[in-house]
C-alpha atoms as a PDB file:
ATOM      1  CA  MET A   1       0.289  44.387  33.751  1.00  0.00           C
ATOM      2  CA  MET A   2       0.686  41.858  36.489  1.00  0.00           C
ATOM      3  CA  LYS A   3       3.956  41.368  38.314  1.00  0.00           C
ATOM      4  CA  LEU A   4       5.175  37.816  38.753  1.00  0.00           C
ATOM      5  CA  TYR A   5       8.240  36.115  40.174  1.00  0.00           C
ATOM      6  CA  MET A   6       9.915  34.123  37.410  1.00  0.00           C
ATOM      7  CA  LYS A   7      12.975  31.947  36.960  1.00  0.00           C
ATOM      8  CA  PHE A   8      14.599  31.702  33.542  1.00  0.00           C
ATOM      9  CA  ASP A   9      16.729  29.047  31.885  1.00  0.00           C
ATOM     10  CA  ALA A  10      19.938  29.676  29.908  1.00  0.00           C
ATOM     11  CA  VAL A  11      18.110  30.932  26.777  1.00  0.00           C
ATOM     12  CA  GLY A  12      15.695  33.156  28.699  1.00  0.00           C
ATOM     13  CA  ARG A  13      12.689  30.801  28.690  1.00  0.00           C
ATOM     14  CA  ILE A  14      10.503  30.837  31.773  1.00  0.00           C
ATOM     15  CA  SER A  15      11.226  27.771  33.880  1.00  0.00           C
ATOM     16  CA  SER A  16       8.918  28.631  36.804  1.00  0.00           C
ATOM     17  CA  VAL A  17       6.368  31.305  37.728  1.00  0.00           C
ATOM     18  CA  ALA A  18       4.856  32.438  41.013  1.00  0.00           C
ATOM     19  CA  SER A  19       2.620  35.333  42.004  1.00  0.00           C
ATOM     20  CA  GLU A  20       3.870  38.129  44.274  1.00  0.00           C
ATOM     21  CA  GLY A  21       2.796  36.278  47.421  1.00  0.00           C
ATOM     22  CA  PHE A  22       4.836  33.174  46.582  1.00  0.00           C
ATOM     23  CA  HIS A  23       8.417  32.547  45.550  1.00  0.00           C
ATOM     24  CA  CYS A  24      10.063  30.113  43.125  1.00  0.00           C
ATOM     25  CA  GLY A  25      13.432  30.011  44.865  1.00  0.00           C
ATOM     26  CA  GLU A  26      16.591  32.089  45.107  1.00  0.00           C
ATOM     27  CA  ASP A  27      17.087  32.906  41.396  1.00  0.00           C
ATOM     28  CA  GLU A  28      13.667  34.460  40.840  1.00  0.00           C
ATOM     29  CA  VAL A  29      13.129  37.888  39.345  1.00  0.00           C
ATOM     30  CA  LEU A  30      10.063  40.089  39.835  1.00  0.00           C
ATOM     31  CA  VAL A  31       8.986  41.180  36.345  1.00  0.00           C
ATOM     32  CA  ASP A  32       5.913  42.497  34.583  1.00  0.00           C
ATOM     33  CA  ALA A  33       4.247  39.685  32.674  1.00  0.00           C
ATOM     34  CA  PRO A  34       3.886  40.365  28.942  1.00  0.00           C
ATOM     35  CA  GLU A  35       0.515  41.111  27.413  1.00  0.00           C
ATOM     36  CA  GLY A  36      -1.180  37.839  26.457  1.00  0.00           C
ATOM     37  CA  PHE A  37       0.774  35.846  29.050  1.00  0.00           C
ATOM     38  CA  THR A  38      -0.969  32.870  30.658  1.00  0.00           C
ATOM     39  CA  LEU A  39       0.363  30.006  32.709  1.00  0.00           C
ATOM     40  CA  ASP A  40      -0.516  27.651  29.844  1.00  0.00           C
ATOM     41  CA  ASN A  41       1.800  29.463  27.429  1.00  0.00           C
ATOM     42  CA  ALA A  42       4.541  30.411  29.914  1.00  0.00           C
ATOM     43  CA  ARG A  43       7.193  28.238  28.202  1.00  0.00           C
ATOM     44  CA  ASP A  44       6.505  30.037  24.904  1.00  0.00           C
ATOM     45  CA  TRP A  45       7.876  33.326  26.251  1.00  0.00           C
ATOM     46  CA  ARG A  46      11.529  34.348  26.474  1.00  0.00           C
ATOM     47  CA  TYR A  47      12.961  37.335  28.327  1.00  0.00           C
ATOM     48  CA  VAL A  48      15.896  38.569  26.247  1.00  0.00           C
ATOM     49  CA  ASP A  49      17.828  41.754  27.006  1.00  0.00           C
ATOM     50  CA  GLY A  50      14.966  43.190  29.059  1.00  0.00           C
ATOM     51  CA  ALA A  51      12.294  42.551  26.411  1.00  0.00           C
ATOM     52  CA  TRP A  52       9.686  39.834  26.033  1.00  0.00           C
ATOM     53  CA  VAL A  53       9.822  37.652  22.919  1.00  0.00           C
ATOM     54  CA  TYR A  54       7.030  35.242  22.022  1.00  0.00           C
ATOM     55  CA  ASP A  55       8.898  32.191  20.757  1.00  0.00           C
ATOM     56  CA  PRO A  56       6.703  29.063  20.912  1.00  0.00           C
ATOM     57  CA  VAL A  57       8.438  25.842  21.836  1.00  0.00           C
ATOM     58  CA  PRO A  58       8.363  23.505  18.817  1.00  0.00           C
ATOM     59  CA  GLU A  59       5.935  20.617  18.995  1.00  0.00           C
ATOM     60  CA  ALA A  60       7.582  17.381  20.023  1.00  0.00           C
ATOM     61  CA  VAL A  61       7.900  14.984  17.126  1.00  0.00           C
ATOM     62  CA  ALA A  62       6.516  11.593  17.988  1.00  0.00           C
ATOM     63  CA  PRO A  63       9.219   8.971  17.661  1.00  0.00           C
ATOM     64  CA  SER A  64       8.718   6.734  14.663  1.00  0.00           C
ATOM     65  CA  ASP A  65       7.805   3.130  15.216  1.00  0.00           C
ATOM     66  CA  PRO A  66      11.089   1.202  15.460  1.00  0.00           C
ATOM     67  CA  VAL A  67       9.526  -1.872  13.852  1.00  0.00           C
ATOM     68  CA  VAL A  68       8.683   0.077  10.698  1.00  0.00           C
ATOM     69  CA  MET A  69      12.182   1.562  10.629  1.00  0.00           C
ATOM     70  CA  TRP A  70      13.841  -1.860  11.013  1.00  0.00           C
ATOM     71  CA  GLU A  71      11.585  -3.396   8.348  1.00  0.00           C
ATOM     72  CA  ALA A  72      12.565  -0.673   5.863  1.00  0.00           C
ATOM     73  CA  GLN A  73      16.237  -1.124   6.681  1.00  0.00           C
ATOM     74  CA  ASN A  74      15.873  -4.897   6.389  1.00  0.00           C
ATOM     75  CA  THR A  75      14.366  -4.527   2.897  1.00  0.00           C
ATOM     76  CA  LEU A  76      17.253  -2.261   1.861  1.00  0.00           C
ATOM     77  CA  LEU A  77      19.863  -4.674   3.240  1.00  0.00           C
ATOM     78  CA  LYS A  78      18.278  -7.621   1.430  1.00  0.00           C
ATOM     79  CA  ALA A  79      18.415  -5.699  -1.863  1.00  0.00           C
ATOM     80  CA  GLN A  80      22.071  -4.821  -1.252  1.00  0.00           C
ATOM     81  CA  ILE A  81      22.920  -8.459  -0.534  1.00  0.00           C
ATOM     82  CA  GLN A  82      21.236  -9.570  -3.770  1.00  0.00           C
ATOM     83  CA  ALA A  83      23.176  -6.936  -5.730  1.00  0.00           C
ATOM     84  CA  LEU A  84      26.466  -8.092  -4.167  1.00  0.00           C
ATOM     85  CA  GLU A  85      25.650 -11.738  -4.974  1.00  0.00           C
ATOM     86  CA  ALA A  86      24.927 -10.842  -8.610  1.00  0.00           C
ATOM     87  CA  ARG A  87      28.169  -8.865  -8.836  1.00  0.00           C
ATOM     88  CA  GLY A  88      30.123 -11.758  -7.323  1.00  0.00           C
ATOM     89  CA  GLU A  89      28.667 -14.180  -9.879  1.00  0.00           C
ATOM     90  CA  PHE A  90      29.515 -11.739 -12.683  1.00  0.00           C
ATOM     91  CA  LEU A  91      33.129 -11.474 -11.481  1.00  0.00           C
ATOM     92  CA  GLU A  92      33.403 -15.269 -11.273  1.00  0.00           C
ATOM     93  CA  ASP A  93      32.148 -15.529 -14.861  1.00  0.00           C
ATOM     94  CA  CYS A  94      34.674 -12.885 -15.974  1.00  0.00           C
ATOM     95  CA  ILE A  95      37.555 -14.750 -14.298  1.00  0.00           C
ATOM     96  CA  ALA A  96      36.437 -18.027 -15.863  1.00  0.00           C
ATOM     97  CA  GLU A  97      36.255 -16.375 -19.312  1.00  0.00           C
ATOM     98  CA  MET A  98      39.743 -14.862 -18.877  1.00  0.00           C
ATOM     99  CA  ALA A  99      41.097 -18.254 -17.813  1.00  0.00           C
ATOM    100  CA  MET A 100      39.594 -19.794 -20.947  1.00  0.00           C
ATOM    101  CA  GLN A 101      41.298 -17.129 -23.081  1.00  0.00           C
ATOM    102  CA  VAL A 102      44.683 -17.552 -21.367  1.00  0.00           C
ATOM    103  CA  TYR A 103      44.832 -21.300 -20.993  1.00  0.00           C
ATOM    104  CA  GLY A 104      42.534 -22.314 -23.834  1.00  0.00           C
ATOM    105  CA  SER A 105      40.387 -25.332 -23.665  1.00  0.00           C
END
């Protein structure tokens, strides 16, 4: 096993790595690197209670296109407006019918 100087974040993920001849700063710890450790997968390892845990960082989800999102919301809002207009017309017809019943024609 190779010994490396490492700094860890609050959840035990490696935030920086340096070989024995170099240092990362004041908070570094000299530890044995886990089997299968490479610099490419350093962020996938966590040091928890003195043991190494391979816990890959989830892939970043690409943000959706805001134009597509707004178009979908716009379609929904248009449908809601049409439904409210139809309901308003229905209520007007109901009021007119009640007025005809009460006051007669």
